[in-house]
Amino acid sequence: MASKKETLLWSIALPGFGQFLNRKYIKGIVLIFLEFLVNVQGNFNEVILLSFHGGIEKAIQQTDYQWLMFYPCLYFFAMWDAYKDAGGGKSPFVFLPFVFSAYFVTVGTIYSSKLTLFGVLLGPIWFPILSIIPGLLVGLLLQRIMRKMFTN
């Protein structure tokens, strides 16, 4: 069986890969299928390419937000699930950083076509990626608070 960190890292590479390492083949196939479906329908690869080349306005025009909003939850669920199945997540409230990261990235995706950071429009790739930071911090803070409240 693969380590917790290994499955987590493979899930970051592609949702479903961590499940394969954990020998959860059906779940892995479903997650890979969903990742490809959302990726293609949301025009995600084209949006990534345009964003990396600085074409933020074009990336916004190419993005199908109705589909792309599913991606963060799918992505972070696959990471959490692979980590949990590999033996992680045994301590209370370990799921909170994953949940809040997914939430903040989804909200970041929703507002990515309008919100600027220091006057710069970051678009549907960079703004959601930066949204991981507050999501992770809120999740870790709530995890700490909840552990203190419920484990004493």
N, C-alpha and C. Protein backbone atom coordinates (compact mmCIF):
# COMPACT_ATOMS: atom_id res chain seq x y z
N MET A 1 0.85 -1.18 0.00
CA MET A 1 0.00 0.00 0.00
C MET A 1 0.89 1.25 0.00
N ALA A 2 0.49 2.25 -0.74
CA ALA A 2 1.25 3.49 -0.86
C ALA A 2 1.11 4.33 0.41
N SER A 3 2.05 5.23 0.62
CA SER A 3 2.01 6.09 1.79
C SER A 3 0.94 7.18 1.62
N LYS A 4 0.59 7.83 2.73
CA LYS A 4 -0.40 8.91 2.71
C LYS A 4 0.08 10.05 1.81
N LYS A 5 1.35 10.42 1.97
CA LYS A 5 1.89 11.53 1.19
C LYS A 5 1.93 11.19 -0.30
N GLU A 6 2.31 9.95 -0.61
CA GLU A 6 2.38 9.55 -2.01
C GLU A 6 1.01 9.60 -2.68
N THR A 7 -0.01 9.08 -2.00
CA THR A 7 -1.35 9.10 -2.60
C THR A 7 -1.86 10.53 -2.74
N LEU A 8 -1.54 11.37 -1.76
CA LEU A 8 -1.95 12.77 -1.83
C LEU A 8 -1.29 13.46 -3.02
N LEU A 9 -0.01 13.23 -3.20
CA LEU A 9 0.70 13.86 -4.32
C LEU A 9 0.22 13.35 -5.67
N TRP A 10 -0.07 12.06 -5.78
CA TRP A 10 -0.61 11.54 -7.04
C TRP A 10 -2.00 12.09 -7.31
N SER A 11 -2.78 12.33 -6.26
CA SER A 11 -4.10 12.93 -6.45
C SER A 11 -4.00 14.38 -6.89
N ILE A 12 -2.95 15.06 -6.46
CA ILE A 12 -2.72 16.42 -6.93
C ILE A 12 -2.37 16.38 -8.42
N ALA A 13 -1.60 15.38 -8.83
CA ALA A 13 -1.24 15.24 -10.25
C ALA A 13 -2.48 15.02 -11.11
N LEU A 14 -3.36 14.12 -10.69
CA LEU A 14 -4.61 13.87 -11.42
C LEU A 14 -5.58 13.16 -10.48
N PRO A 15 -6.75 13.77 -10.27
CA PRO A 15 -7.74 13.12 -9.42
C PRO A 15 -8.03 11.70 -9.92
N GLY A 16 -7.96 10.74 -9.00
CA GLY A 16 -8.19 9.34 -9.32
C GLY A 16 -6.93 8.50 -9.23
N PHE A 17 -5.77 9.12 -9.45
CA PHE A 17 -4.52 8.36 -9.38
C PHE A 17 -4.24 7.85 -7.97
N GLY A 18 -4.54 8.65 -6.96
CA GLY A 18 -4.35 8.21 -5.58
C GLY A 18 -5.24 7.02 -5.25
N GLN A 19 -6.45 7.01 -5.81
CA GLN A 19 -7.36 5.89 -5.60
C GLN A 19 -6.80 4.62 -6.23
N PHE A 20 -6.16 4.74 -7.39
CA PHE A 20 -5.53 3.58 -8.01
C PHE A 20 -4.42 3.02 -7.12
N LEU A 21 -3.61 3.92 -6.54
CA LEU A 21 -2.56 3.47 -5.63
C LEU A 21 -3.15 2.74 -4.41
N ASN A 22 -4.33 3.17 -4.00
CA ASN A 22 -5.00 2.54 -2.86
C ASN A 22 -5.82 1.32 -3.26
N ARG A 23 -5.73 0.94 -4.53
CA ARG A 23 -6.46 -0.21 -5.08
C ARG A 23 -7.98 -0.04 -5.03
N LYS A 24 -8.41 1.20 -5.13
CA LYS A 24 -9.84 1.53 -5.22
C LYS A 24 -10.12 1.88 -6.69
N TYR A 25 -10.13 0.83 -7.52
CA TYR A 25 -10.13 1.02 -8.97
C TYR A 25 -11.41 1.66 -9.51
N ILE A 26 -12.55 1.22 -9.02
CA ILE A 26 -13.81 1.79 -9.52
C ILE A 26 -13.88 3.28 -9.18
N LYS A 27 -13.56 3.61 -7.94
CA LYS A 27 -13.56 5.00 -7.51
C LYS A 27 -12.57 5.80 -8.35
N GLY A 28 -11.38 5.24 -8.61
CA GLY A 28 -10.37 5.91 -9.41
C GLY A 28 -10.84 6.16 -10.83
N ILE A 29 -11.48 5.16 -11.42
CA ILE A 29 -12.00 5.31 -12.79
C ILE A 29 -13.07 6.39 -12.84
N VAL A 30 -13.96 6.40 -11.86
CA VAL A 30 -15.03 7.40 -11.82
C VAL A 30 -14.43 8.80 -11.69
N LEU A 31 -13.46 8.97 -10.80
CA LEU A 31 -12.85 10.29 -10.60
C LEU A 31 -12.08 10.76 -11.83
N ILE A 32 -11.37 9.85 -12.48
CA ILE A 32 -10.64 10.22 -13.71
C ILE A 32 -11.63 10.60 -14.81
N PHE A 33 -12.70 9.81 -14.94
CA PHE A 33 -13.73 10.14 -15.93
C PHE A 33 -14.33 11.53 -15.65
N LEU A 34 -14.68 11.79 -14.39
CA LEU A 34 -15.26 13.09 -14.04
C LEU A 34 -14.28 14.22 -14.27
N GLU A 35 -13.00 13.98 -13.97
CA GLU A 35 -11.99 15.01 -14.19
C GLU A 35 -11.91 15.35 -15.68
N PHE A 36 -11.87 14.34 -16.53
CA PHE A 36 -11.82 14.59 -17.97
C PHE A 36 -13.09 15.27 -18.48
N LEU A 37 -14.24 14.85 -17.97
CA LEU A 37 -15.52 15.45 -18.38
C LEU A 37 -15.54 16.93 -18.04
N VAL A 38 -15.24 17.27 -16.79
CA VAL A 38 -15.26 18.67 -16.36
C VAL A 38 -14.17 19.45 -17.09
N ASN A 39 -13.00 18.85 -17.27
CA ASN A 39 -11.90 19.51 -17.95
C ASN A 39 -12.30 19.88 -19.39
N VAL A 40 -12.85 18.93 -20.12
CA VAL A 40 -13.22 19.17 -21.52
C VAL A 40 -14.39 20.14 -21.61
N GLN A 41 -15.42 19.91 -20.81
CA GLN A 41 -16.61 20.78 -20.88
C GLN A 41 -16.31 22.21 -20.42
N GLY A 42 -15.41 22.35 -19.46
CA GLY A 42 -15.05 23.68 -18.98
C GLY A 42 -14.00 24.37 -19.82
N ASN A 43 -13.47 23.64 -20.83
CA ASN A 43 -12.42 24.16 -21.71
C ASN A 43 -11.16 24.50 -20.91
N PHE A 44 -10.90 23.71 -19.90
CA PHE A 44 -9.89 24.00 -18.89
C PHE A 44 -8.47 24.05 -19.46
N ASN A 45 -8.10 23.11 -20.32
CA ASN A 45 -6.73 23.10 -20.85
C ASN A 45 -6.44 24.35 -21.68
N GLU A 46 -7.40 24.77 -22.49
CA GLU A 46 -7.22 26.00 -23.28
C GLU A 46 -7.10 27.21 -22.35
N VAL A 47 -7.90 27.22 -21.30
CA VAL A 47 -7.86 28.33 -20.34
C VAL A 47 -6.51 28.37 -19.62
N ILE A 48 -5.98 27.20 -19.26
CA ILE A 48 -4.66 27.13 -18.64
C ILE A 48 -3.59 27.67 -19.58
N LEU A 49 -3.63 27.22 -20.83
CA LEU A 49 -2.66 27.69 -21.82
C LEU A 49 -2.71 29.21 -21.99
N LEU A 50 -3.89 29.73 -22.18
CA LEU A 50 -4.04 31.18 -22.36
C LEU A 50 -3.54 31.93 -21.12
N SER A 51 -3.86 31.43 -19.95
CA SER A 51 -3.44 32.09 -18.70
C SER A 51 -1.93 32.09 -18.55
N PHE A 52 -1.30 30.98 -18.88
CA PHE A 52 0.16 30.91 -18.77
C PHE A 52 0.85 31.85 -19.75
N HIS A 53 0.18 32.16 -20.86
CA HIS A 53 0.74 33.06 -21.85
C HIS A 53 0.29 34.50 -21.66
N GLY A 54 -0.41 34.77 -20.56
CA GLY A 54 -0.82 36.13 -20.24
C GLY A 54 -2.10 36.59 -20.91
N GLY A 55 -2.80 35.71 -21.59
CA GLY A 55 -4.05 36.07 -22.25
C GLY A 55 -5.25 35.91 -21.33
N ILE A 56 -5.27 36.70 -20.26
CA ILE A 56 -6.30 36.54 -19.23
C ILE A 56 -7.70 36.84 -19.78
N GLU A 57 -7.84 37.91 -20.54
CA GLU A 57 -9.16 38.25 -21.11
C GLU A 57 -9.67 37.13 -22.02
N LYS A 58 -8.80 36.59 -22.86
CA LYS A 58 -9.18 35.47 -23.72
C LYS A 58 -9.53 34.24 -22.89
N ALA A 59 -8.76 34.00 -21.83
CA ALA A 59 -9.02 32.86 -20.95
C ALA A 59 -10.41 32.98 -20.32
N ILE A 60 -10.76 34.18 -19.90
CA ILE A 60 -12.09 34.41 -19.31
C ILE A 60 -13.17 34.13 -20.33
N GLN A 61 -12.97 34.57 -21.57
CA GLN A 61 -13.94 34.34 -22.64
C GLN A 61 -14.09 32.85 -22.96
N GLN A 62 -13.01 32.10 -22.88
CA GLN A 62 -13.02 30.67 -23.22
C GLN A 62 -13.58 29.79 -22.10
N THR A 63 -13.63 30.31 -20.89
CA THR A 63 -14.03 29.51 -19.73
C THR A 63 -15.53 29.26 -19.71
N ASP A 64 -15.90 28.00 -19.52
CA ASP A 64 -17.29 27.67 -19.26
C ASP A 64 -17.43 27.51 -17.75
N TYR A 65 -17.84 28.59 -17.09
CA TYR A 65 -17.88 28.62 -15.63
C TYR A 65 -18.88 27.63 -15.05
N GLN A 66 -19.93 27.32 -15.80
CA GLN A 66 -20.92 26.35 -15.31
C GLN A 66 -20.27 24.99 -15.06
N TRP A 67 -19.29 24.64 -15.85
CA TRP A 67 -18.57 23.37 -15.67
C TRP A 67 -17.37 23.53 -14.74
N LEU A 68 -16.64 24.62 -14.92
CA LEU A 68 -15.39 24.78 -14.18
C LEU A 68 -15.61 24.89 -12.67
N MET A 69 -16.78 25.34 -12.26
CA MET A 69 -17.05 25.44 -10.83
C MET A 69 -17.08 24.07 -10.13
N PHE A 70 -17.27 23.00 -10.88
CA PHE A 70 -17.26 21.65 -10.29
C PHE A 70 -15.83 21.17 -10.01
N TYR A 71 -14.87 21.73 -10.72
CA TYR A 71 -13.51 21.20 -10.66
C TYR A 71 -12.88 21.24 -9.26
N PRO A 72 -12.96 22.38 -8.54
CA PRO A 72 -12.31 22.40 -7.21
C PRO A 72 -12.84 21.35 -6.25
N CYS A 73 -14.14 21.16 -6.20
CA CYS A 73 -14.70 20.17 -5.27
C CYS A 73 -14.29 18.75 -5.67
N LEU A 74 -14.32 18.47 -6.94
CA LEU A 74 -13.87 17.16 -7.44
C LEU A 74 -12.40 16.94 -7.09
N TYR A 75 -11.60 17.93 -7.33
CA TYR A 75 -10.15 17.86 -7.11
C TYR A 75 -9.83 17.64 -5.63
N PHE A 76 -10.40 18.48 -4.75
CA PHE A 76 -10.08 18.36 -3.33
C PHE A 76 -10.73 17.13 -2.70
N PHE A 77 -11.89 16.70 -3.22
CA PHE A 77 -12.46 15.46 -2.72
C PHE A 77 -11.55 14.28 -3.04
N ALA A 78 -11.04 14.23 -4.26
CA ALA A 78 -10.15 13.13 -4.66
C ALA A 78 -8.89 13.12 -3.80
N MET A 79 -8.36 14.30 -3.49
CA MET A 79 -7.18 14.37 -2.63
C MET A 79 -7.50 13.85 -1.23
N TRP A 80 -8.59 14.34 -0.66
CA TRP A 80 -8.97 13.91 0.69
C TRP A 80 -9.26 12.41 0.73
N ASP A 81 -10.00 11.92 -0.23
CA ASP A 81 -10.38 10.52 -0.25
C ASP A 81 -9.16 9.60 -0.36
N ALA A 82 -8.22 9.94 -1.22
CA ALA A 82 -7.01 9.13 -1.37
C ALA A 82 -6.19 9.16 -0.09
N TYR A 83 -6.07 10.34 0.50
CA TYR A 83 -5.32 10.49 1.75
C TYR A 83 -5.96 9.67 2.87
N LYS A 84 -7.28 9.75 2.98
CA LYS A 84 -8.03 9.02 4.02
C LYS A 84 -7.90 7.52 3.81
N ASP A 85 -8.06 7.06 2.58
CA ASP A 85 -7.98 5.62 2.29
C ASP A 85 -6.57 5.05 2.50
N ALA A 86 -5.56 5.93 2.45
CA ALA A 86 -4.18 5.48 2.67
C ALA A 86 -3.82 5.48 4.15
N GLY A 87 -4.79 5.82 4.99
CA GLY A 87 -4.54 5.79 6.43
C GLY A 87 -4.41 7.15 7.08
N GLY A 88 -4.56 8.19 6.30
CA GLY A 88 -4.52 9.54 6.88
C GLY A 88 -5.89 9.91 7.42
N GLY A 89 -5.96 11.03 8.05
CA GLY A 89 -7.25 11.52 8.50
C GLY A 89 -7.82 10.82 9.71
N LYS A 90 -6.96 10.22 10.51
CA LYS A 90 -7.46 9.51 11.69
C LYS A 90 -7.72 10.46 12.85
N SER A 91 -7.01 11.59 12.89
CA SER A 91 -7.26 12.55 13.95
C SER A 91 -8.48 13.40 13.58
N PRO A 92 -9.15 13.94 14.59
CA PRO A 92 -10.40 14.68 14.33
C PRO A 92 -10.20 15.92 13.46
N PHE A 93 -11.15 16.14 12.59
CA PHE A 93 -11.26 17.36 11.79
C PHE A 93 -10.14 17.56 10.78
N VAL A 94 -9.48 16.50 10.37
CA VAL A 94 -8.42 16.60 9.36
C VAL A 94 -8.99 17.01 8.00
N PHE A 95 -10.25 16.76 7.79
CA PHE A 95 -10.88 17.07 6.51
C PHE A 95 -11.08 18.57 6.30
N LEU A 96 -11.07 19.37 7.36
CA LEU A 96 -11.43 20.79 7.24
C LEU A 96 -10.55 21.58 6.27
N PRO A 97 -9.22 21.43 6.26
CA PRO A 97 -8.43 22.18 5.26
C PRO A 97 -8.80 21.82 3.82
N PHE A 98 -9.14 20.57 3.56
CA PHE A 98 -9.56 20.16 2.21
C PHE A 98 -10.90 20.81 1.84
N VAL A 99 -11.84 20.78 2.78
CA VAL A 99 -13.18 21.32 2.54
C VAL A 99 -13.12 22.82 2.29
N PHE A 100 -12.41 23.54 3.16
CA PHE A 100 -12.36 24.99 3.01
C PHE A 100 -11.53 25.41 1.80
N SER A 101 -10.52 24.65 1.45
CA SER A 101 -9.77 24.95 0.22
C SER A 101 -10.68 24.80 -0.99
N ALA A 102 -11.46 23.72 -1.03
CA ALA A 102 -12.39 23.52 -2.15
C ALA A 102 -13.40 24.66 -2.23
N TYR A 103 -13.91 25.05 -1.07
CA TYR A 103 -14.91 26.13 -1.04
C TYR A 103 -14.30 27.45 -1.54
N PHE A 104 -13.14 27.82 -1.01
CA PHE A 104 -12.52 29.09 -1.39
C PHE A 104 -12.10 29.10 -2.86
N VAL A 105 -11.63 27.97 -3.37
CA VAL A 105 -11.24 27.91 -4.78
C VAL A 105 -12.48 28.01 -5.68
N THR A 106 -13.58 27.40 -5.26
CA THR A 106 -14.83 27.52 -6.02
C THR A 106 -15.30 28.96 -6.05
N VAL A 107 -15.30 29.63 -4.91
CA VAL A 107 -15.69 31.04 -4.86
C VAL A 107 -14.70 31.88 -5.67
N GLY A 108 -13.41 31.55 -5.58
CA GLY A 108 -12.41 32.24 -6.40
C GLY A 108 -12.66 32.08 -7.88
N THR A 109 -13.11 30.91 -8.27
CA THR A 109 -13.45 30.66 -9.68
C THR A 109 -14.64 31.52 -10.10
N ILE A 110 -15.64 31.58 -9.25
CA ILE A 110 -16.85 32.36 -9.57
C ILE A 110 -16.51 33.83 -9.81
N TYR A 111 -15.66 34.39 -8.96
CA TYR A 111 -15.35 35.82 -9.05
C TYR A 111 -14.10 36.13 -9.88
N SER A 112 -13.47 35.15 -10.45
CA SER A 112 -12.19 35.34 -11.14
C SER A 112 -12.27 36.21 -12.38
N SER A 113 -13.43 36.37 -12.95
CA SER A 113 -13.53 37.19 -14.16
C SER A 113 -13.69 38.68 -13.84
N LYS A 114 -13.91 39.01 -12.57
CA LYS A 114 -14.14 40.41 -12.20
C LYS A 114 -13.16 40.94 -11.15
N LEU A 115 -12.79 40.10 -10.18
CA LEU A 115 -11.95 40.57 -9.08
C LEU A 115 -10.50 40.75 -9.50
N THR A 116 -9.91 41.80 -8.99
CA THR A 116 -8.48 42.04 -9.24
C THR A 116 -7.73 41.99 -7.92
N LEU A 117 -6.47 41.73 -8.01
CA LEU A 117 -5.59 41.75 -6.85
C LEU A 117 -4.51 42.78 -7.13
N PHE A 118 -4.50 43.86 -6.33
CA PHE A 118 -3.59 44.98 -6.55
C PHE A 118 -3.73 45.54 -7.97
N GLY A 119 -4.97 45.59 -8.44
CA GLY A 119 -5.26 46.16 -9.76
C GLY A 119 -5.01 45.22 -10.93
N VAL A 120 -4.64 43.98 -10.66
CA VAL A 120 -4.34 43.03 -11.73
C VAL A 120 -5.45 41.99 -11.80
N LEU A 121 -6.01 41.84 -12.99
CA LEU A 121 -7.01 40.79 -13.23
C LEU A 121 -6.27 39.47 -13.43
N LEU A 122 -6.48 38.51 -12.51
CA LEU A 122 -5.73 37.25 -12.54
C LEU A 122 -6.44 36.15 -13.32
N GLY A 123 -7.75 36.25 -13.46
CA GLY A 123 -8.48 35.31 -14.29
C GLY A 123 -8.79 33.97 -13.65
N PRO A 124 -9.30 33.04 -14.47
CA PRO A 124 -9.86 31.78 -13.97
C PRO A 124 -8.84 30.71 -13.56
N ILE A 125 -7.56 30.98 -13.70
CA ILE A 125 -6.54 30.03 -13.23
C ILE A 125 -5.83 30.59 -12.00
N TRP A 126 -5.25 31.78 -12.12
CA TRP A 126 -4.40 32.30 -11.06
C TRP A 126 -5.19 32.74 -9.83
N PHE A 127 -6.35 33.36 -10.00
CA PHE A 127 -7.11 33.79 -8.83
C PHE A 127 -7.60 32.59 -8.00
N PRO A 128 -8.17 31.56 -8.63
CA PRO A 128 -8.55 30.38 -7.83
C PRO A 128 -7.35 29.69 -7.15
N ILE A 129 -6.22 29.64 -7.84
CA ILE A 129 -5.04 29.02 -7.21
C ILE A 129 -4.64 29.81 -5.97
N LEU A 130 -4.65 31.14 -6.06
CA LEU A 130 -4.32 31.95 -4.89
C LEU A 130 -5.37 31.82 -3.78
N SER A 131 -6.59 31.45 -4.16
CA SER A 131 -7.66 31.27 -3.18
C SER A 131 -7.44 30.06 -2.29
N ILE A 132 -6.54 29.18 -2.69
CA ILE A 132 -6.21 28.02 -1.84
C ILE A 132 -5.63 28.50 -0.51
N ILE A 133 -4.84 29.56 -0.56
CA ILE A 133 -4.14 30.02 0.65
C ILE A 133 -5.12 30.40 1.76
N PRO A 134 -6.08 31.32 1.53
CA PRO A 134 -7.02 31.61 2.63
C PRO A 134 -7.88 30.40 3.00
N GLY A 135 -8.23 29.58 2.02
CA GLY A 135 -9.02 28.38 2.32
C GLY A 135 -8.29 27.43 3.23
N LEU A 136 -7.03 27.22 2.94
CA LEU A 136 -6.20 26.34 3.76
C LEU A 136 -6.02 26.91 5.16
N LEU A 137 -5.76 28.22 5.24
CA LEU A 137 -5.57 28.86 6.54
C LEU A 137 -6.84 28.80 7.39
N VAL A 138 -7.99 29.09 6.79
CA VAL A 138 -9.25 29.01 7.52
C VAL A 138 -9.51 27.58 7.96
N GLY A 139 -9.28 26.63 7.09
CA GLY A 139 -9.47 25.21 7.43
C GLY A 139 -8.57 24.77 8.56
N LEU A 140 -7.30 25.17 8.53
CA LEU A 140 -6.37 24.81 9.61
C LEU A 140 -6.74 25.48 10.92
N LEU A 141 -7.16 26.75 10.85
CA LEU A 141 -7.57 27.46 12.06
C LEU A 141 -8.81 26.81 12.68
N LEU A 142 -9.82 26.52 11.86
CA LEU A 142 -11.02 25.86 12.37
C LEU A 142 -10.72 24.46 12.89
N GLN A 143 -9.81 23.77 12.24
CA GLN A 143 -9.39 22.45 12.71
C GLN A 143 -8.82 22.56 14.12
N ARG A 144 -7.95 23.52 14.32
CA ARG A 144 -7.34 23.72 15.65
C ARG A 144 -8.39 24.08 16.69
N ILE A 145 -9.30 25.00 16.34
CA ILE A 145 -10.36 25.41 17.27
C ILE A 145 -11.26 24.22 17.61
N MET A 146 -11.68 23.49 16.60
CA MET A 146 -12.59 22.35 16.82
C MET A 146 -11.91 21.27 17.66
N ARG A 147 -10.65 21.02 17.43
CA ARG A 147 -9.93 20.01 18.23
C ARG A 147 -9.88 20.42 19.69
N LYS A 148 -9.61 21.72 19.94
CA LYS A 148 -9.56 22.19 21.32
C LYS A 148 -10.93 22.10 21.97
N MET A 149 -11.97 22.41 21.22
CA MET A 149 -13.32 22.39 21.78
C MET A 149 -13.81 20.98 22.08
N PHE A 150 -13.50 20.05 21.21
CA PHE A 150 -14.11 18.73 21.31
C PHE A 150 -13.21 17.61 21.83
N THR A 151 -11.93 17.90 22.04
CA THR A 151 -11.06 16.83 22.54
C THR A 151 -10.63 17.05 23.98
N ASN A 152 -11.07 18.13 24.60
CA ASN A 152 -10.73 18.36 26.02
C ASN A 152 -11.73 17.69 26.93
